[in-house]
Protein backbone atom coordinates (compact mmCIF):
# COMPACT_ATOMS: atom_id res chain seq x y z
CA UNK A 1 -0.96 68.01 -29.24
CA UNK A 2 0.29 66.13 -32.31
CA UNK A 3 0.10 62.35 -32.31
CA UNK A 4 3.22 60.31 -33.09
CA UNK A 5 1.05 57.82 -34.99
CA UNK A 6 -1.37 58.65 -37.76
CA UNK A 7 -4.71 56.84 -37.75
CA UNK A 8 -3.50 54.76 -40.68
CA UNK A 9 -0.28 53.72 -38.92
CA UNK A 10 -2.13 53.00 -35.69
CA UNK A 11 -4.65 50.86 -37.58
CA UNK A 12 -1.88 48.88 -39.25
CA UNK A 13 -0.16 48.39 -35.90
CA UNK A 14 -3.39 47.14 -34.30
CA UNK A 15 -4.01 44.78 -37.23
CA UNK A 16 -0.48 43.38 -36.99
CA UNK A 17 -0.62 42.84 -33.23
CA UNK A 18 -4.08 41.26 -33.41
CA UNK A 19 -3.04 38.88 -36.21
CA UNK A 20 0.00 37.77 -34.21
CA UNK A 21 -2.09 37.33 -31.07
CA UNK A 22 -4.82 35.50 -32.97
CA UNK A 23 -2.29 33.08 -34.42
CA UNK A 24 -0.41 32.55 -31.16
CA UNK A 25 -3.54 31.77 -29.13
CA UNK A 26 -3.74 28.17 -30.31
CA UNK A 27 -0.11 27.55 -29.39
CA UNK A 28 -0.65 28.86 -25.85
CA UNK A 29 -3.80 26.76 -25.46
CA UNK A 30 -1.99 23.61 -26.60
CA UNK A 31 0.83 24.35 -24.13
CA UNK A 32 -1.71 24.79 -21.33
CA UNK A 33 -3.34 21.44 -22.19
CA UNK A 34 0.04 19.78 -21.57
CA UNK A 35 -0.20 21.04 -17.96
CA UNK A 36 -3.71 19.53 -17.61
CA UNK A 37 -5.58 22.86 -17.63
CA UNK A 38 -9.12 22.45 -18.95
CA UNK A 39 -10.85 24.50 -21.64
CA UNK A 40 -13.24 26.21 -19.21
CA UNK A 41 -10.40 27.53 -17.06
CA UNK A 42 -8.51 28.74 -20.11
CA UNK A 43 -11.60 30.48 -21.44
CA UNK A 44 -12.21 32.14 -18.07
CA UNK A 45 -8.63 33.44 -18.06
CA UNK A 46 -9.04 34.73 -21.60
CA UNK A 47 -12.27 36.50 -20.70
CA UNK A 48 -10.74 38.07 -17.58
CA UNK A 49 -7.73 39.33 -19.52
CA UNK A 50 -9.91 40.74 -22.32
CA UNK A 51 -12.30 42.74 -20.10
CA UNK A 52 -9.98 45.79 -19.74
CA UNK A 53 -9.63 46.02 -23.52
CA UNK A 54 -13.40 45.92 -24.00
CA UNK A 55 -13.91 48.59 -21.32
CA UNK A 56 -11.33 50.86 -22.98
CA UNK A 57 -12.98 50.26 -26.38
CA UNK A 58 -16.41 51.16 -24.98
CA UNK A 59 -15.21 54.47 -23.54
CA UNK A 60 -13.05 55.28 -26.56
CA UNK A 61 -15.88 54.65 -29.00
CA UNK A 62 -18.47 56.41 -26.82
CA UNK A 63 -17.24 59.83 -27.93
CA UNK A 64 -19.64 61.05 -30.60
CA UNK A 65 -21.50 57.74 -30.90
CA UNK A 66 -25.26 57.33 -30.69
CA UNK A 67 -26.46 56.27 -27.25
CA UNK A 68 -27.61 52.68 -26.78
CA UNK A 69 -30.83 52.05 -24.90
CA UNK A 70 -31.57 49.18 -22.50
CA UNK A 71 -32.86 46.80 -25.15
CA UNK A 72 -29.87 47.56 -27.40
CA UNK A 73 -27.45 46.80 -24.55
CA UNK A 74 -29.28 43.53 -23.92
CA UNK A 75 -28.92 42.60 -27.60
CA UNK A 76 -25.23 43.50 -27.61
CA UNK A 77 -24.68 41.46 -24.45
CA UNK A 78 -26.54 38.46 -25.87
CA UNK A 79 -24.67 38.60 -29.18
CA UNK A 80 -21.38 38.96 -27.33
CA UNK A 81 -22.09 35.96 -25.15
CA UNK A 82 -23.24 33.79 -28.03
CA UNK A 83 -20.71 35.02 -30.53
CA UNK A 84 -17.57 35.48 -28.48
CA UNK A 85 -18.06 33.04 -25.62
CA UNK A 86 -19.59 30.17 -27.57
CA UNK A 87 -17.17 30.48 -30.49
CA UNK A 88 -14.21 30.64 -28.09
CA UNK A 89 -15.44 27.66 -26.08
CA UNK A 90 -15.87 25.53 -29.19
CA UNK A 91 -12.48 26.69 -30.45
CA UNK A 92 -10.77 25.72 -27.18
CA UNK A 93 -12.56 22.38 -27.01
CA UNK A 94 -11.63 21.63 -30.61
CA UNK A 95 -7.98 22.23 -29.82
CA UNK A 96 -8.10 19.14 -27.61
CA UNK A 97 -8.55 17.03 -30.75
CA UNK A 98 -6.68 18.79 -33.57
CA UNK A 99 -3.30 20.46 -33.95
CA UNK A 100 -2.78 24.19 -33.53
CA UNK A 101 -1.72 24.44 -37.20
CA UNK A 102 -4.92 22.80 -38.46
CA UNK A 103 -7.01 25.03 -36.20
CA UNK A 104 -5.31 28.16 -37.62
CA UNK A 105 -5.81 26.90 -41.16
CA UNK A 106 -9.52 26.31 -40.55
CA UNK A 107 -10.04 29.74 -38.94
CA UNK A 108 -8.18 31.61 -41.68
CA UNK A 109 -9.96 29.68 -44.46
CA UNK A 110 -13.39 30.05 -42.85
CA UNK A 111 -14.39 33.17 -44.86
CA UNK A 112 -13.43 31.41 -48.11
CA UNK A 113 -15.44 28.33 -47.16
CA UNK A 114 -18.46 30.51 -46.37
CA UNK A 115 -18.24 32.19 -49.80
CA UNK A 116 -18.01 28.83 -51.59
CA UNK A 117 -20.82 27.21 -49.60
CA UNK A 118 -23.03 30.30 -50.05
CA UNK A 119 -22.42 30.19 -53.80
CA UNK A 120 -23.41 26.52 -53.92
CA UNK A 121 -26.47 26.84 -51.67
CA UNK A 122 -27.85 30.09 -53.10
CA UNK A 123 -26.68 29.33 -56.66
CA UNK A 124 -25.08 32.76 -57.03
CA UNK A 125 -21.81 33.26 -58.88
CA UNK A 126 -18.79 34.40 -56.93
CA UNK A 127 -18.10 37.88 -58.21
CA UNK A 128 -14.69 39.50 -58.42
CA UNK A 129 -15.51 41.94 -55.59
CA UNK A 130 -16.51 39.13 -53.22
CA UNK A 131 -13.51 37.02 -54.16
CA UNK A 132 -11.15 39.96 -53.68
CA UNK A 133 -12.46 40.47 -50.15
CA UNK A 134 -12.66 36.86 -48.95
CA UNK A 135 -10.87 34.41 -51.24
């Protein structure tokens, strides 16, 4: 059965939708703060709404992928909790103190700041290939 979307078109569509959603998140959080909803409740709602997408991604990616063992699943779970939950919680808490526009600017400039700080700390020049990817 032929697909109406090529993999390339589908990838572009996913990237576009995720960029719009990523940018709009701060606006929705700021609107929720007006109604006195706290960061923990907002984060819980975000986690609940994201679970179906993660479940679909797990089953979609499972086809042809190497099996994870118990210790691997534990590592993935731990990294997910620390990476996704902690970063989201700090992001939501930070939105109580700064504007949505400044938060977006910080998040989109984060890779560039990492490259510059890494160059200063490790005293390595920023090459054209690194700058093309992140700057």
